[in-house]
Amino acid sequence: MSPRIIPIPLSGDLSKAQAKGLRHADGLHDTYFEQSKLIRGAAEAKISEADRLECEGWNALMWAWATGEMRPVIDDRQANPTIDKAINRGHRPTKSIPG
């Protein structure tokens, strides 16, 4: 059995200092949390915009291939979006594929 720990009560000045420190930490937490929400929202908007551009670039390349204007050469320099990127952009599948 572990020993029982009994905290010693703080004197008036130390109790006030502890309460002040707790209020300060709570205020810092609230401030930093609000800032992180703003930055995260802006970053998610930028990522969504990048995914949109990548999907539109891929669609243009595939359109040119489908109309016979060019034969696409897929390499590492070109956009190759994943389904996750298309969904993040806002493209939703219209119906499921049977099977």
PDB file of N, CA and C in Angstrom:
ATOM      1  N   MET A   1       0.845  -1.175   0.000  1.00  0.00           N
ATOM      2  CA  MET A   1       0.000   0.000   0.000  1.00  0.00           C
ATOM      3  C   MET A   1       0.888   1.235   0.000  1.00  0.00           C
ATOM      4  N   SER A   2       0.548   2.186  -0.860  1.00  0.00           N
ATOM      5  CA  SER A   2       1.356   3.396  -0.948  1.00  0.00           C
ATOM      6  C   SER A   2       1.063   4.304   0.245  1.00  0.00           C
ATOM      7  N   PRO A   3       2.056   5.101   0.622  1.00  0.00           N
ATOM      8  CA  PRO A   3       1.838   5.971   1.775  1.00  0.00           C
ATOM      9  C   PRO A   3       0.826   7.073   1.454  1.00  0.00           C
ATOM     10  N   ARG A   4       0.082   7.456   2.438  1.00  0.00           N
ATOM     11  CA  ARG A   4      -0.914   8.518   2.289  1.00  0.00           C
ATOM     12  C   ARG A   4      -0.203   9.866   2.355  1.00  0.00           C
ATOM     13  N   ILE A   5      -0.509  10.715   1.367  1.00  0.00           N
ATOM     14  CA  ILE A   5       0.119  12.036   1.317  1.00  0.00           C
ATOM     15  C   ILE A   5      -0.904  13.052   1.789  1.00  0.00           C
ATOM     16  N   ILE A   6      -0.536  13.763   2.827  1.00  0.00           N
ATOM     17  CA  ILE A   6      -1.422  14.798   3.366  1.00  0.00           C
ATOM     18  C   ILE A   6      -0.784  16.147   3.071  1.00  0.00           C
ATOM     19  N   PRO A   7      -1.409  16.950   2.182  1.00  0.00           N
ATOM     20  CA  PRO A   7      -0.806  18.255   1.871  1.00  0.00           C
ATOM     21  C   PRO A   7      -0.908  19.203   3.069  1.00  0.00           C
ATOM     22  N   ILE A   8       0.144  19.964   3.244  1.00  0.00           N
ATOM     23  CA  ILE A   8       0.169  20.945   4.324  1.00  0.00           C
ATOM     24  C   ILE A   8      -0.563  22.184   3.834  1.00  0.00           C
ATOM     25  N   PRO A   9      -1.493  22.701   4.599  1.00  0.00           N
ATOM     26  CA  PRO A   9      -2.209  23.913   4.159  1.00  0.00           C
ATOM     27  C   PRO A   9      -1.249  25.096   4.018  1.00  0.00           C
ATOM     28  N   LEU A  10      -1.494  25.903   2.993  1.00  0.00           N
ATOM     29  CA  LEU A  10      -0.646  27.055   2.751  1.00  0.00           C
ATOM     30  C   LEU A  10      -1.065  28.216   3.627  1.00  0.00           C
ATOM     31  N   SER A  11      -0.086  29.064   3.949  1.00  0.00           N
ATOM     32  CA  SER A  11      -0.405  30.261   4.713  1.00  0.00           C
ATOM     33  C   SER A  11      -1.122  31.258   3.816  1.00  0.00           C
ATOM     34  N   GLY A  12      -1.595  32.357   4.355  1.00  0.00           N
ATOM     35  CA  GLY A  12      -2.365  33.334   3.613  1.00  0.00           C
ATOM     36  C   GLY A  12      -1.666  33.861   2.375  1.00  0.00           C
ATOM     37  N   ASP A  13      -0.382  34.277   2.506  1.00  0.00           N
ATOM     38  CA  ASP A  13       0.351  34.837   1.377  1.00  0.00           C
ATOM     39  C   ASP A  13       0.617  33.790   0.301  1.00  0.00           C
ATOM     40  N   LEU A  14       0.999  32.596   0.729  1.00  0.00           N
ATOM     41  CA  LEU A  14       1.274  31.543  -0.241  1.00  0.00           C
ATOM     42  C   LEU A  14      -0.006  31.086  -0.944  1.00  0.00           C
ATOM     43  N   SER A  15      -1.096  31.062  -0.220  1.00  0.00           N
ATOM     44  CA  SER A  15      -2.383  30.679  -0.813  1.00  0.00           C
ATOM     45  C   SER A  15      -2.799  31.690  -1.881  1.00  0.00           C
ATOM     46  N   LYS A  16      -2.599  32.982  -1.568  1.00  0.00           N
ATOM     47  CA  LYS A  16      -2.927  34.027  -2.542  1.00  0.00           C
ATOM     48  C   LYS A  16      -2.025  33.930  -3.774  1.00  0.00           C
ATOM     49  N   ALA A  17      -0.738  33.651  -3.571  1.00  0.00           N
ATOM     50  CA  ALA A  17       0.196  33.532  -4.685  1.00  0.00           C
ATOM     51  C   ALA A  17      -0.173  32.327  -5.557  1.00  0.00           C
ATOM     52  N   GLN A  18      -0.573  31.235  -4.918  1.00  0.00           N
ATOM     53  CA  GLN A  18      -0.965  30.063  -5.681  1.00  0.00           C
ATOM     54  C   GLN A  18      -2.221  30.336  -6.501  1.00  0.00           C
ATOM     55  N   ALA A  19      -3.203  31.001  -5.911  1.00  0.00           N
ATOM     56  CA  ALA A  19      -4.434  31.337  -6.628  1.00  0.00           C
ATOM     57  C   ALA A  19      -4.136  32.272  -7.805  1.00  0.00           C
ATOM     58  N   LYS A  20      -3.226  33.231  -7.594  1.00  0.00           N
ATOM     59  CA  LYS A  20      -2.850  34.153  -8.667  1.00  0.00           C
ATOM     60  C   LYS A  20      -2.173  33.389  -9.805  1.00  0.00           C
ATOM     61  N   GLY A  21      -1.285  32.474  -9.464  1.00  0.00           N
ATOM     62  CA  GLY A  21      -0.611  31.675 -10.486  1.00  0.00           C
ATOM     63  C   GLY A  21      -1.598  30.812 -11.271  1.00  0.00           C
ATOM     64  N   LEU A  22      -2.583  30.248 -10.596  1.00  0.00           N
ATOM     65  CA  LEU A  22      -3.600  29.453 -11.279  1.00  0.00           C
ATOM     66  C   LEU A  22      -4.442  30.304 -12.226  1.00  0.00           C
ATOM     67  N   ARG A  23      -4.810  31.506 -11.791  1.00  0.00           N
ATOM     68  CA  ARG A  23      -5.573  32.409 -12.668  1.00  0.00           C
ATOM     69  C   ARG A  23      -4.756  32.799 -13.891  1.00  0.00           C
ATOM     70  N   HIS A  24      -3.464  33.064 -13.673  1.00  0.00           N
ATOM     71  CA  HIS A  24      -2.579  33.435 -14.773  1.00  0.00           C
ATOM     72  C   HIS A  24      -2.463  32.283 -15.784  1.00  0.00           C
ATOM     73  N   ALA A  25      -2.264  31.062 -15.280  1.00  0.00           N
ATOM     74  CA  ALA A  25      -2.149  29.897 -16.162  1.00  0.00           C
ATOM     75  C   ALA A  25      -3.455  29.666 -16.919  1.00  0.00           C
ATOM     76  N   ASP A  26      -4.574  29.854 -16.266  1.00  0.00           N
ATOM     77  CA  ASP A  26      -5.872  29.678 -16.924  1.00  0.00           C
ATOM     78  C   ASP A  26      -6.047  30.714 -18.035  1.00  0.00           C
ATOM     79  N   GLY A  27      -5.638  31.954 -17.775  1.00  0.00           N
ATOM     80  CA  GLY A  27      -5.719  32.997 -18.796  1.00  0.00           C
ATOM     81  C   GLY A  27      -4.816  32.704 -19.984  1.00  0.00           C
ATOM     82  N   LEU A  28      -3.587  32.227 -19.714  1.00  0.00           N
ATOM     83  CA  LEU A  28      -2.677  31.864 -20.803  1.00  0.00           C
ATOM     84  C   LEU A  28      -3.247  30.722 -21.638  1.00  0.00           C
ATOM     85  N   HIS A  29      -3.832  29.746 -20.968  1.00  0.00           N
ATOM     86  CA  HIS A  29      -4.422  28.618 -21.691  1.00  0.00           C
ATOM     87  C   HIS A  29      -5.526  29.100 -22.621  1.00  0.00           C
ATOM     88  N   ASP A  30      -6.408  29.938 -22.125  1.00  0.00           N
ATOM     89  CA  ASP A  30      -7.507  30.435 -22.956  1.00  0.00           C
ATOM     90  C   ASP A  30      -6.988  31.225 -24.155  1.00  0.00           C
ATOM     91  N   THR A  31      -5.985  32.086 -23.919  1.00  0.00           N
ATOM     92  CA  THR A  31      -5.419  32.902 -24.994  1.00  0.00           C
ATOM     93  C   THR A  31      -4.762  32.041 -26.057  1.00  0.00           C
ATOM     94  N   TYR A  32      -3.921  31.110 -25.633  1.00  0.00           N
ATOM     95  CA  TYR A  32      -3.220  30.254 -26.592  1.00  0.00           C
ATOM     96  C   TYR A  32      -4.178  29.337 -27.328  1.00  0.00           C
ATOM     97  N   PHE A  33      -5.212  28.858 -26.654  1.00  0.00           N
ATOM     98  CA  PHE A  33      -6.179  27.975 -27.302  1.00  0.00           C
ATOM     99  C   PHE A  33      -6.949  28.723 -28.389  1.00  0.00           C
ATOM    100  N   GLU A  34      -7.341  29.964 -28.114  1.00  0.00           N
ATOM    101  CA  GLU A  34      -8.040  30.761 -29.131  1.00  0.00           C
ATOM    102  C   GLU A  34      -7.132  31.042 -30.325  1.00  0.00           C
ATOM    103  N   GLN A  35      -5.857  31.360 -30.060  1.00  0.00           N
ATOM    104  CA  GLN A  35      -4.920  31.602 -31.150  1.00  0.00           C
ATOM    105  C   GLN A  35      -4.708  30.342 -31.983  1.00  0.00           C
ATOM    106  N   SER A  36      -4.625  29.194 -31.323  1.00  0.00           N
ATOM    107  CA  SER A  36      -4.416  27.946 -32.066  1.00  0.00           C
ATOM    108  C   SER A  36      -5.625  27.618 -32.933  1.00  0.00           C
ATOM    109  N   LYS A  37      -6.838  27.930 -32.464  1.00  0.00           N
ATOM    110  CA  LYS A  37      -8.025  27.685 -33.282  1.00  0.00           C
ATOM    111  C   LYS A  37      -8.018  28.568 -34.526  1.00  0.00           C
ATOM    112  N   LEU A  38      -7.613  29.829 -34.387  1.00  0.00           N
ATOM    113  CA  LEU A  38      -7.543  30.724 -35.541  1.00  0.00           C
ATOM    114  C   LEU A  38      -6.501  30.259 -36.551  1.00  0.00           C
ATOM    115  N   ILE A  39      -5.324  29.903 -36.070  1.00  0.00           N
ATOM    116  CA  ILE A  39      -4.251  29.469 -36.963  1.00  0.00           C
ATOM    117  C   ILE A  39      -4.623  28.155 -37.636  1.00  0.00           C
ATOM    118  N   ARG A  40      -5.207  27.221 -36.883  1.00  0.00           N
ATOM    119  CA  ARG A  40      -5.597  25.934 -37.455  1.00  0.00           C
ATOM    120  C   ARG A  40      -6.675  26.118 -38.521  1.00  0.00           C
ATOM    121  N   GLY A  41      -7.620  27.029 -38.292  1.00  0.00           N
ATOM    122  CA  GLY A  41      -8.667  27.290 -39.283  1.00  0.00           C
ATOM    123  C   GLY A  41      -8.089  27.866 -40.569  1.00  0.00           C
ATOM    124  N   ALA A  42      -7.134  28.790 -40.427  1.00  0.00           N
ATOM    125  CA  ALA A  42      -6.500  29.373 -41.610  1.00  0.00           C
ATOM    126  C   ALA A  42      -5.684  28.317 -42.358  1.00  0.00           C
ATOM    127  N   ALA A  43      -4.994  27.467 -41.619  1.00  0.00           N
ATOM    128  CA  ALA A  43      -4.194  26.425 -42.262  1.00  0.00           C
ATOM    129  C   ALA A  43      -5.088  25.425 -42.997  1.00  0.00           C
ATOM    130  N   GLU A  44      -6.214  25.057 -42.401  1.00  0.00           N
ATOM    131  CA  GLU A  44      -7.119  24.123 -43.066  1.00  0.00           C
ATOM    132  C   GLU A  44      -7.716  24.736 -44.325  1.00  0.00           C
ATOM    133  N   ALA A  45      -7.970  26.039 -44.301  1.00  0.00           N
ATOM    134  CA  ALA A  45      -8.477  26.709 -45.501  1.00  0.00           C
ATOM    135  C   ALA A  45      -7.422  26.692 -46.605  1.00  0.00           C
ATOM    136  N   LYS A  46      -6.157  26.926 -46.252  1.00  0.00           N
ATOM    137  CA  LYS A  46      -5.074  26.896 -47.238  1.00  0.00           C
ATOM    138  C   LYS A  46      -4.889  25.479 -47.803  1.00  0.00           C
ATOM    139  N   ILE A  47      -4.974  24.466 -46.957  1.00  0.00           N
ATOM    140  CA  ILE A  47      -4.837  23.086 -47.427  1.00  0.00           C
ATOM    141  C   ILE A  47      -5.976  22.733 -48.368  1.00  0.00           C
ATOM    142  N   SER A  48      -7.189  23.175 -48.039  1.00  0.00           N
ATOM    143  CA  SER A  48      -8.334  22.913 -48.912  1.00  0.00           C
ATOM    144  C   SER A  48      -8.149  23.595 -50.260  1.00  0.00           C
ATOM    145  N   GLU A  49      -7.627  24.817 -50.255  1.00  0.00           N
ATOM    146  CA  GLU A  49      -7.369  25.535 -51.505  1.00  0.00           C
ATOM    147  C   GLU A  49      -6.293  24.824 -52.328  1.00  0.00           C
ATOM    148  N   ALA A  50      -5.242  24.333 -51.674  1.00  0.00           N
ATOM    149  CA  ALA A  50      -4.195  23.599 -52.386  1.00  0.00           C
ATOM    150  C   ALA A  50      -4.755  22.312 -52.990  1.00  0.00           C
ATOM    151  N   ASP A  51      -5.615  21.618 -52.246  1.00  0.00           N
ATOM    152  CA  ASP A  51      -6.242  20.406 -52.778  1.00  0.00           C
ATOM    153  C   ASP A  51      -7.135  20.730 -53.969  1.00  0.00           C
ATOM    154  N   ARG A  52      -7.841  21.853 -53.909  1.00  0.00           N
ATOM    155  CA  ARG A  52      -8.702  22.257 -55.022  1.00  0.00           C
ATOM    156  C   ARG A  52      -7.869  22.496 -56.279  1.00  0.00           C
ATOM    157  N   LEU A  53      -6.764  23.215 -56.128  1.00  0.00           N
ATOM    158  CA  LEU A  53      -5.909  23.494 -57.279  1.00  0.00           C
ATOM    159  C   LEU A  53      -5.308  22.214 -57.854  1.00  0.00           C
ATOM    160  N   GLU A  54      -4.918  21.302 -56.979  1.00  0.00           N
ATOM    161  CA  GLU A  54      -4.344  20.048 -57.448  1.00  0.00           C
ATOM    162  C   GLU A  54      -5.388  19.227 -58.205  1.00  0.00           C
ATOM    163  N   CYS A  55      -6.620  19.184 -57.692  1.00  0.00           N
ATOM    164  CA  CYS A  55      -7.687  18.448 -58.375  1.00  0.00           C
ATOM    165  C   CYS A  55      -8.040  19.095 -59.715  1.00  0.00           C
ATOM    166  N   GLU A  56      -8.096  20.416 -59.768  1.00  0.00           N
ATOM    167  CA  GLU A  56      -8.413  21.090 -61.027  1.00  0.00           C
ATOM    168  C   GLU A  56      -7.304  20.889 -62.059  1.00  0.00           C
ATOM    169  N   GLY A  57      -6.047  20.884 -61.618  1.00  0.00           N
ATOM    170  CA  GLY A  57      -4.937  20.613 -62.530  1.00  0.00           C
ATOM    171  C   GLY A  57      -5.021  19.199 -63.094  1.00  0.00           C
ATOM    172  N   TRP A  58      -5.346  18.254 -62.239  1.00  0.00           N
ATOM    173  CA  TRP A  58      -5.495  16.867 -62.682  1.00  0.00           C
ATOM    174  C   TRP A  58      -6.670  16.732 -63.645  1.00  0.00           C
ATOM    175  N   ASN A  59      -7.790  17.403 -63.329  1.00  0.00           N
ATOM    176  CA  ASN A  59      -8.948  17.332 -64.206  1.00  0.00           C
ATOM    177  C   ASN A  59      -8.638  17.929 -65.583  1.00  0.00           C
ATOM    178  N   ALA A  60      -7.875  19.006 -65.631  1.00  0.00           N
ATOM    179  CA  ALA A  60      -7.501  19.608 -66.910  1.00  0.00           C
ATOM    180  C   ALA A  60      -6.621  18.653 -67.715  1.00  0.00           C
ATOM    181  N   LEU A  61      -5.702  17.985 -67.034  1.00  0.00           N
ATOM    182  CA  LEU A  61      -4.835  17.036 -67.707  1.00  0.00           C
ATOM    183  C   LEU A  61      -5.643  15.860 -68.263  1.00  0.00           C
ATOM    184  N   MET A  62      -6.569  15.350 -67.476  1.00  0.00           N
ATOM    185  CA  MET A  62      -7.392  14.227 -67.920  1.00  0.00           C
ATOM    186  C   MET A  62      -8.371  14.646 -69.026  1.00  0.00           C
ATOM    187  N   TRP A  63      -8.856  15.879 -68.978  1.00  0.00           N
ATOM    188  CA  TRP A  63      -9.751  16.363 -70.037  1.00  0.00           C
ATOM    189  C   TRP A  63      -8.997  16.422 -71.362  1.00  0.00           C
ATOM    190  N   ALA A  64      -7.757  16.931 -71.316  1.00  0.00           N
ATOM    191  CA  ALA A  64      -6.953  17.014 -72.530  1.00  0.00           C
ATOM    192  C   ALA A  64      -6.681  15.610 -73.077  1.00  0.00           C
ATOM    193  N   TRP A  65      -6.468  14.639 -72.189  1.00  0.00           N
ATOM    194  CA  TRP A  65      -6.244  13.270 -72.633  1.00  0.00           C
ATOM    195  C   TRP A  65      -7.528  12.676 -73.230  1.00  0.00           C
ATOM    196  N   ALA A  66      -8.680  12.926 -72.594  1.00  0.00           N
ATOM    197  CA  ALA A  66      -9.943  12.345 -73.051  1.00  0.00           C
ATOM    198  C   ALA A  66     -10.387  12.926 -74.393  1.00  0.00           C
ATOM    199  N   THR A  67     -10.076  14.169 -74.666  1.00  0.00           N
ATOM    200  CA  THR A  67     -10.467  14.789 -75.932  1.00  0.00           C
ATOM    201  C   THR A  67      -9.458  14.520 -77.037  1.00  0.00           C
ATOM    202  N   GLY A  68      -8.367  13.844 -76.708  1.00  0.00           N
ATOM    203  CA  GLY A  68      -7.381  13.488 -77.715  1.00  0.00           C
ATOM    204  C   GLY A  68      -6.393  14.585 -78.025  1.00  0.00           C
ATOM    205  N   GLU A  69      -6.380  15.652 -77.243  1.00  0.00           N
ATOM    206  CA  GLU A  69      -5.449  16.744 -77.515  1.00  0.00           C
ATOM    207  C   GLU A  69      -4.004  16.385 -77.172  1.00  0.00           C
ATOM    208  N   MET A  70      -3.839  15.537 -76.171  1.00  0.00           N
ATOM    209  CA  MET A  70      -2.485  15.174 -75.773  1.00  0.00           C
ATOM    210  C   MET A  70      -2.513  13.859 -75.017  1.00  0.00           C
ATOM    211  N   ARG A  71      -1.388  13.263 -74.936  1.00  0.00           N
ATOM    212  CA  ARG A  71      -1.246  12.054 -74.138  1.00  0.00           C
ATOM    213  C   ARG A  71      -0.511  12.446 -72.857  1.00  0.00           C
ATOM    214  N   PRO A  72      -1.145  12.270 -71.708  1.00  0.00           N
ATOM    215  CA  PRO A  72      -0.499  12.730 -70.473  1.00  0.00           C
ATOM    216  C   PRO A  72       0.708  11.880 -70.108  1.00  0.00           C
ATOM    217  N   VAL A  73       1.715  12.550 -69.619  1.00  0.00           N
ATOM    218  CA  VAL A  73       2.891  11.879 -69.092  1.00  0.00           C
ATOM    219  C   VAL A  73       2.883  12.139 -67.597  1.00  0.00           C
ATOM    220  N   ILE A  74       2.625  11.107 -66.833  1.00  0.00           N
ATOM    221  CA  ILE A  74       2.516  11.259 -65.386  1.00  0.00           C
ATOM    222  C   ILE A  74       3.904  11.069 -64.778  1.00  0.00           C
ATOM    223  N   ASP A  75       4.367  12.077 -64.081  1.00  0.00           N
ATOM    224  CA  ASP A  75       5.633  11.963 -63.364  1.00  0.00           C
ATOM    225  C   ASP A  75       5.484  12.649 -62.010  1.00  0.00           C
ATOM    226  N   ASP A  76       6.581  12.742 -61.285  1.00  0.00           N
ATOM    227  CA  ASP A  76       6.537  13.287 -59.937  1.00  0.00           C
ATOM    228  C   ASP A  76       6.285  14.791 -59.900  1.00  0.00           C
ATOM    229  N   ARG A  77       6.508  15.482 -60.996  1.00  0.00           N
ATOM    230  CA  ARG A  77       6.320  16.928 -60.995  1.00  0.00           C
ATOM    231  C   ARG A  77       4.856  17.322 -61.097  1.00  0.00           C
ATOM    232  N   GLN A  78       4.008  16.427 -61.592  1.00  0.00           N
ATOM    233  CA  GLN A  78       2.615  16.773 -61.831  1.00  0.00           C
ATOM    234  C   GLN A  78       1.745  16.407 -60.641  1.00  0.00           C
ATOM    235  N   ALA A  79       0.597  17.038 -60.624  1.00  0.00           N
ATOM    236  CA  ALA A  79      -0.376  16.746 -59.588  1.00  0.00           C
ATOM    237  C   ALA A  79      -0.899  15.330 -59.770  1.00  0.00           C
ATOM    238  N   ASN A  80      -1.057  14.633 -58.688  1.00  0.00           N
ATOM    239  CA  ASN A  80      -1.638  13.306 -58.699  1.00  0.00           C
ATOM    240  C   ASN A  80      -2.474  13.187 -57.436  1.00  0.00           C
ATOM    241  N   PRO A  81      -3.633  13.847 -57.407  1.00  0.00           N
ATOM    242  CA  PRO A  81      -4.391  13.922 -56.164  1.00  0.00           C
ATOM    243  C   PRO A  81      -4.985  12.574 -55.755  1.00  0.00           C
ATOM    244  N   THR A  82      -5.093  12.396 -54.469  1.00  0.00           N
ATOM    245  CA  THR A  82      -5.729  11.196 -53.940  1.00  0.00           C
ATOM    246  C   THR A  82      -7.222  11.462 -53.754  1.00  0.00           C
ATOM    247  N   ILE A  83      -7.962  10.417 -53.464  1.00  0.00           N
ATOM    248  CA  ILE A  83      -9.394  10.579 -53.225  1.00  0.00           C
ATOM    249  C   ILE A  83      -9.621  11.442 -51.986  1.00  0.00           C
ATOM    250  N   ASP A  84      -8.763  11.288 -50.982  1.00  0.00           N
ATOM    251  CA  ASP A  84      -8.886  12.118 -49.778  1.00  0.00           C
ATOM    252  C   ASP A  84      -8.777  13.600 -50.108  1.00  0.00           C
ATOM    253  N   LYS A  85      -7.882  13.948 -51.023  1.00  0.00           N
ATOM    254  CA  LYS A  85      -7.732  15.352 -51.407  1.00  0.00           C
ATOM    255  C   LYS A  85      -8.971  15.842 -52.146  1.00  0.00           C
ATOM    256  N   ALA A  86      -9.548  15.000 -52.990  1.00  0.00           N
ATOM    257  CA  ALA A  86     -10.759  15.398 -53.705  1.00  0.00           C
ATOM    258  C   ALA A  86     -11.922  15.580 -52.731  1.00  0.00           C
ATOM    259  N   ILE A  87     -12.022  14.698 -51.742  1.00  0.00           N
ATOM    260  CA  ILE A  87     -13.092  14.839 -50.744  1.00  0.00           C
ATOM    261  C   ILE A  87     -12.864  16.081 -49.901  1.00  0.00           C
ATOM    262  N   ASN A  88     -11.620  16.360 -49.527  1.00  0.00           N
ATOM    263  CA  ASN A  88     -11.312  17.568 -48.759  1.00  0.00           C
ATOM    264  C   ASN A  88     -11.663  18.809 -49.556  1.00  0.00           C
ATOM    265  N   ARG A  89     -11.534  18.748 -50.869  1.00  0.00           N
ATOM    266  CA  ARG A  89     -11.876  19.874 -51.737  1.00  0.00           C
ATOM    267  C   ARG A  89     -13.383  20.090 -51.769  1.00  0.00           C
ATOM    268  N   GLY A  90     -14.143  19.042 -51.542  1.00  0.00           N
ATOM    269  CA  GLY A  90     -15.585  19.187 -51.571  1.00  0.00           C
ATOM    270  C   GLY A  90     -16.254  18.317 -52.608  1.00  0.00           C
ATOM    271  N   HIS A  91     -15.467  17.583 -53.409  1.00  0.00           N
ATOM    272  CA  HIS A  91     -16.053  16.661 -54.376  1.00  0.00           C
ATOM    273  C   HIS A  91     -16.592  15.466 -53.610  1.00  0.00           C
ATOM    274  N   ARG A  92     -17.862  15.193 -53.759  1.00  0.00           N
ATOM    275  CA  ARG A  92     -18.477  14.056 -53.082  1.00  0.00           C
ATOM    276  C   ARG A  92     -18.908  13.045 -54.137  1.00  0.00           C
ATOM    277  N   PRO A  93     -18.709  11.769 -53.864  1.00  0.00           N
ATOM    278  CA  PRO A  93     -19.186  10.771 -54.820  1.00  0.00           C
ATOM    279  C   PRO A  93     -20.704  10.833 -54.925  1.00  0.00           C
ATOM    280  N   THR A  94     -21.222  10.728 -56.152  1.00  0.00           N
ATOM    281  CA  THR A  94     -22.666  10.825 -56.346  1.00  0.00           C
ATOM    282  C   THR A  94     -23.382   9.544 -56.022  1.00  0.00           C
ATOM    283  N   LYS A  95     -22.789   8.424 -56.335  1.00  0.00           N
ATOM    284  CA  LYS A  95     -23.386   7.134 -55.950  1.00  0.00           C
ATOM    285  C   LYS A  95     -22.275   6.134 -55.764  1.00  0.00           C
ATOM    286  N   SER A  96     -22.571   5.108 -54.992  1.00  0.00           N
ATOM    287  CA  SER A  96     -21.552   4.114 -54.708  1.00  0.00           C
ATOM    288  C   SER A  96     -21.428   3.144 -55.879  1.00  0.00           C
ATOM    289  N   ILE A  97     -20.253   2.589 -55.986  1.00  0.00           N
ATOM    290  CA  ILE A  97     -19.980   1.620 -57.042  1.00  0.00           C
ATOM    291  C   ILE A  97     -20.377   0.243 -56.522  1.00  0.00           C
ATOM    292  N   PRO A  98     -21.228  -0.479 -57.247  1.00  0.00           N
ATOM    293  CA  PRO A  98     -21.637  -1.797 -56.744  1.00  0.00           C
ATOM    294  C   PRO A  98     -20.465  -2.774 -56.795  1.00  0.00           C
ATOM    295  N   GLY A  99     -20.485  -3.686 -55.861  1.00  0.00           N
ATOM    296  CA  GLY A  99     -19.495  -4.692 -56.010  1.00  0.00           C
ATOM    297  C   GLY A  99     -18.795  -5.090 -54.813  1.00  0.00           C
TER     298      GLY A  99
END
